[in-house]
């Protein structure tokens, strides 16, 4: 048998034996994270999750009076989105950053407006009643509780996740808010199509 006649099969055989090159499923695919909500935005208007349909969402829960972690996380997420706007502008237009407060007593619409506008022009800030915030936080698996302090000088304890949600509101991945803006942009590109 002539070995040369079958030499062209070697690369095909190697391809057949190599691991699948298609991307894996998103890490949060099928997770019970997210749900419907209706909250008040930074302009005092009601906004529901259905108003975000058709767009990828970066969902972050925090509070504007946070002295350290929240503003740094939001700054990193916004910087990642700005990098995406430069490298993949069409995709970036389909991504909306959303900041939901876990401190509705202090984070009124005007306070949120000042906060979100400092980070990204398209960032949406959402607040609501204590009950509304509790419900949406539970839907997104966010822990929070009011810490000790005075009536207006208290801290909030809370979990910190930045979710990338699909255009139909399903969870795709956690964004690395502790990472570089480039890592955030890369993670969005990896799962948003």
Protein backbone atom coordinates (compact mmCIF):
# COMPACT_ATOMS: atom_id res chain seq x y z
CA UNK A 1 0.00 0.00 0.00
CA UNK A 2 1.30 3.44 -0.93
CA UNK A 3 1.67 5.56 2.24
CA UNK A 4 1.87 8.78 0.24
CA UNK A 5 -1.56 8.20 -1.19
CA UNK A 6 -3.02 8.47 2.31
CA UNK A 7 -0.72 11.20 3.67
CA UNK A 8 -3.41 13.83 3.12
CA UNK A 9 -5.61 11.99 5.65
CA UNK A 10 -3.21 12.65 8.55
CA UNK A 11 -4.28 16.27 9.14
CA UNK A 12 -7.94 15.26 8.98
CA UNK A 13 -7.35 12.48 11.49
CA UNK A 14 -5.68 14.93 13.86
CA UNK A 15 -8.60 17.33 13.55
CA UNK A 16 -11.05 14.54 14.28
CA UNK A 17 -9.16 13.64 17.45
CA UNK A 18 -8.70 17.20 18.72
CA UNK A 19 -11.08 18.68 21.26
CA UNK A 20 -14.12 20.56 19.99
CA UNK A 21 -13.12 24.08 18.99
CA UNK A 22 -16.60 25.56 19.35
CA UNK A 23 -17.04 27.81 22.38
CA UNK A 24 -18.39 26.23 25.52
CA UNK A 25 -21.79 27.15 26.83
CA UNK A 26 -21.85 30.35 28.88
CA UNK A 27 -20.88 29.59 32.49
CA UNK A 28 -24.20 30.80 33.93
CA UNK A 29 -26.38 29.20 31.27
CA UNK A 30 -29.42 27.71 32.98
CA UNK A 31 -28.72 29.38 36.34
CA UNK A 32 -31.73 30.72 38.19
CA UNK A 33 -30.50 34.31 38.21
CA UNK A 34 -32.55 37.28 37.07
CA UNK A 35 -36.22 37.90 36.63
CA UNK A 36 -38.78 40.53 35.90
CA UNK A 37 -38.68 43.87 37.68
CA UNK A 38 -40.11 47.37 37.54
CA UNK A 39 -38.04 50.05 39.26
CA UNK A 40 -37.49 53.81 39.05
CA UNK A 41 -34.62 55.15 36.96
CA UNK A 42 -32.33 58.13 37.55
CA UNK A 43 -34.85 60.41 35.79
CA UNK A 44 -37.71 59.37 38.07
CA UNK A 45 -39.39 57.23 35.40
CA UNK A 46 -40.52 53.66 35.84
CA UNK A 47 -38.41 51.15 33.94
CA UNK A 48 -39.10 47.45 33.62
CA UNK A 49 -36.87 44.65 32.49
CA UNK A 50 -38.93 44.44 29.29
CA UNK A 51 -37.63 47.91 28.31
CA UNK A 52 -34.16 46.33 28.16
CA UNK A 53 -35.24 43.43 25.94
CA UNK A 54 -33.05 42.96 22.89
CA UNK A 55 -29.92 44.30 24.59
CA UNK A 56 -27.20 42.66 26.61
CA UNK A 57 -27.11 44.02 30.16
CA UNK A 58 -24.34 44.46 32.66
CA UNK A 59 -26.16 44.16 35.99
CA UNK A 60 -24.42 45.47 39.10
CA UNK A 61 -25.88 45.97 42.57
CA UNK A 62 -24.33 48.47 44.96
CA UNK A 63 -24.93 51.82 46.60
CA UNK A 64 -23.76 55.33 45.89
CA UNK A 65 -22.60 56.08 49.44
CA UNK A 66 -20.16 53.16 49.28
CA UNK A 67 -16.74 54.57 50.19
CA UNK A 68 -14.60 52.18 48.17
CA UNK A 69 -15.68 48.98 46.42
CA UNK A 70 -18.78 50.02 44.47
CA UNK A 71 -17.29 53.07 42.74
CA UNK A 72 -14.15 51.13 41.81
CA UNK A 73 -16.19 48.22 40.42
CA UNK A 74 -18.47 50.53 38.46
CA UNK A 75 -15.47 52.47 37.13
CA UNK A 76 -13.85 49.22 35.93
CA UNK A 77 -17.07 48.00 34.31
CA UNK A 78 -17.56 51.35 32.56
CA UNK A 79 -13.94 51.38 31.38
CA UNK A 80 -14.39 47.86 29.99
CA UNK A 81 -17.49 48.99 28.10
CA UNK A 82 -15.61 52.02 26.75
CA UNK A 83 -12.87 49.71 25.43
CA UNK A 84 -15.56 47.59 23.80
CA UNK A 85 -17.00 50.74 22.20
CA UNK A 86 -13.63 51.32 20.52
CA UNK A 87 -12.91 47.73 19.48
CA UNK A 88 -16.42 46.48 18.64
CA UNK A 89 -18.73 49.50 18.37
CA UNK A 90 -21.69 47.62 16.88
CA UNK A 91 -21.65 45.11 19.74
CA UNK A 92 -21.10 47.79 22.38
CA UNK A 93 -24.24 49.63 21.24
CA UNK A 94 -26.20 46.52 22.19
CA UNK A 95 -24.83 46.48 25.77
CA UNK A 96 -26.43 48.58 28.49
CA UNK A 97 -24.84 48.98 31.94
CA UNK A 98 -27.35 48.91 34.81
CA UNK A 99 -26.64 49.90 38.42
CA UNK A 100 -29.31 48.82 40.92
CA UNK A 101 -29.08 50.29 44.39
CA UNK A 102 -29.33 48.17 47.51
CA UNK A 103 -29.81 51.37 49.57
CA UNK A 104 -33.09 52.88 48.35
CA UNK A 105 -33.47 55.11 51.42
CA UNK A 106 -30.53 57.29 50.38
CA UNK A 107 -30.20 56.47 46.70
CA UNK A 108 -33.00 58.56 45.24
CA UNK A 109 -33.29 59.22 41.52
CA UNK A 110 -31.34 62.52 41.69
CA UNK A 111 -28.55 60.87 43.69
CA UNK A 112 -28.39 58.00 41.20
CA UNK A 113 -28.36 60.43 38.28
CA UNK A 114 -25.27 62.16 39.60
CA UNK A 115 -23.58 58.82 40.35
CA UNK A 116 -24.19 56.98 37.06
CA UNK A 117 -23.44 60.01 34.89
CA UNK A 118 -19.95 60.13 36.42
CA UNK A 119 -19.16 56.68 34.97
CA UNK A 120 -20.85 56.15 31.61
CA UNK A 121 -23.36 58.21 29.61
CA UNK A 122 -25.57 55.18 28.91
CA UNK A 123 -25.52 53.76 32.43
CA UNK A 124 -28.96 53.33 33.94
CA UNK A 125 -29.40 53.78 37.68
CA UNK A 126 -32.37 52.07 39.32
CA UNK A 127 -34.00 52.46 42.71
CA UNK A 128 -37.36 51.59 44.20
CA UNK A 129 -39.13 50.85 47.43
CA UNK A 130 -37.43 48.63 49.98
CA UNK A 131 -39.76 45.83 48.93
CA UNK A 132 -38.98 46.25 45.23
CA UNK A 133 -35.24 46.26 45.86
CA UNK A 134 -35.52 43.21 48.11
CA UNK A 135 -37.43 41.33 45.39
CA UNK A 136 -35.02 42.16 42.56
CA UNK A 137 -31.97 41.43 44.73
CA UNK A 138 -33.41 38.02 45.57
CA UNK A 139 -34.08 37.32 41.87
CA UNK A 140 -30.41 38.09 41.12
CA UNK A 141 -29.04 36.15 44.13
CA UNK A 142 -27.68 39.32 45.75
CA UNK A 143 -27.14 39.40 49.51
CA UNK A 144 -27.34 42.76 51.27
CA UNK A 145 -28.06 44.17 54.71
CA UNK A 146 -27.76 47.49 56.43
CA UNK A 147 -24.77 47.77 58.72
CA UNK A 148 -24.43 49.67 61.96
CA UNK A 149 -24.24 53.44 62.07
CA UNK A 150 -26.33 56.55 62.36
CA UNK A 151 -29.58 57.21 60.52
CA UNK A 152 -27.75 58.56 57.48
CA UNK A 153 -24.18 57.45 58.17
CA UNK A 154 -24.37 53.70 57.78
CA UNK A 155 -22.65 51.19 55.52
CA UNK A 156 -24.27 48.41 53.53
CA UNK A 157 -22.91 44.88 53.52
CA UNK A 158 -23.51 43.19 50.17
CA UNK A 159 -22.29 40.62 47.71
CA UNK A 160 -20.56 41.90 44.59
CA UNK A 161 -21.29 40.39 41.26
CA UNK A 162 -21.44 41.95 37.83
CA UNK A 163 -23.66 39.81 35.66
CA UNK A 164 -23.68 39.78 31.89
CA UNK A 165 -27.26 39.04 30.89
CA UNK A 166 -28.48 38.04 27.43
CA UNK A 167 -30.90 40.13 25.33
CA UNK A 168 -33.72 37.98 26.67
CA UNK A 169 -32.65 38.51 30.29
CA UNK A 170 -30.92 35.17 30.88
CA UNK A 171 -27.61 35.00 32.76
CA UNK A 172 -24.52 34.41 30.65
CA UNK A 173 -21.44 35.08 32.79
CA UNK A 174 -19.95 36.92 35.72
CA UNK A 175 -17.79 39.82 34.59
CA UNK A 176 -14.39 40.17 36.27
CA UNK A 177 -14.96 43.56 37.92
CA UNK A 178 -11.71 43.01 39.87
CA UNK A 179 -9.82 42.51 36.62
CA UNK A 180 -8.63 44.98 34.05
CA UNK A 181 -11.02 46.85 31.77
CA UNK A 182 -9.58 44.77 28.91
CA UNK A 183 -10.53 41.54 30.72
CA UNK A 184 -14.07 42.88 31.12
CA UNK A 185 -14.30 43.84 27.44
CA UNK A 186 -12.92 40.44 26.42
CA UNK A 187 -15.45 38.59 28.57
CA UNK A 188 -18.32 40.56 27.06
CA UNK A 189 -17.03 39.78 23.55
CA UNK A 190 -16.71 36.13 24.44
CA UNK A 191 -20.39 35.70 25.32
CA UNK A 192 -22.21 38.50 23.49
CA UNK A 193 -22.69 37.86 19.81
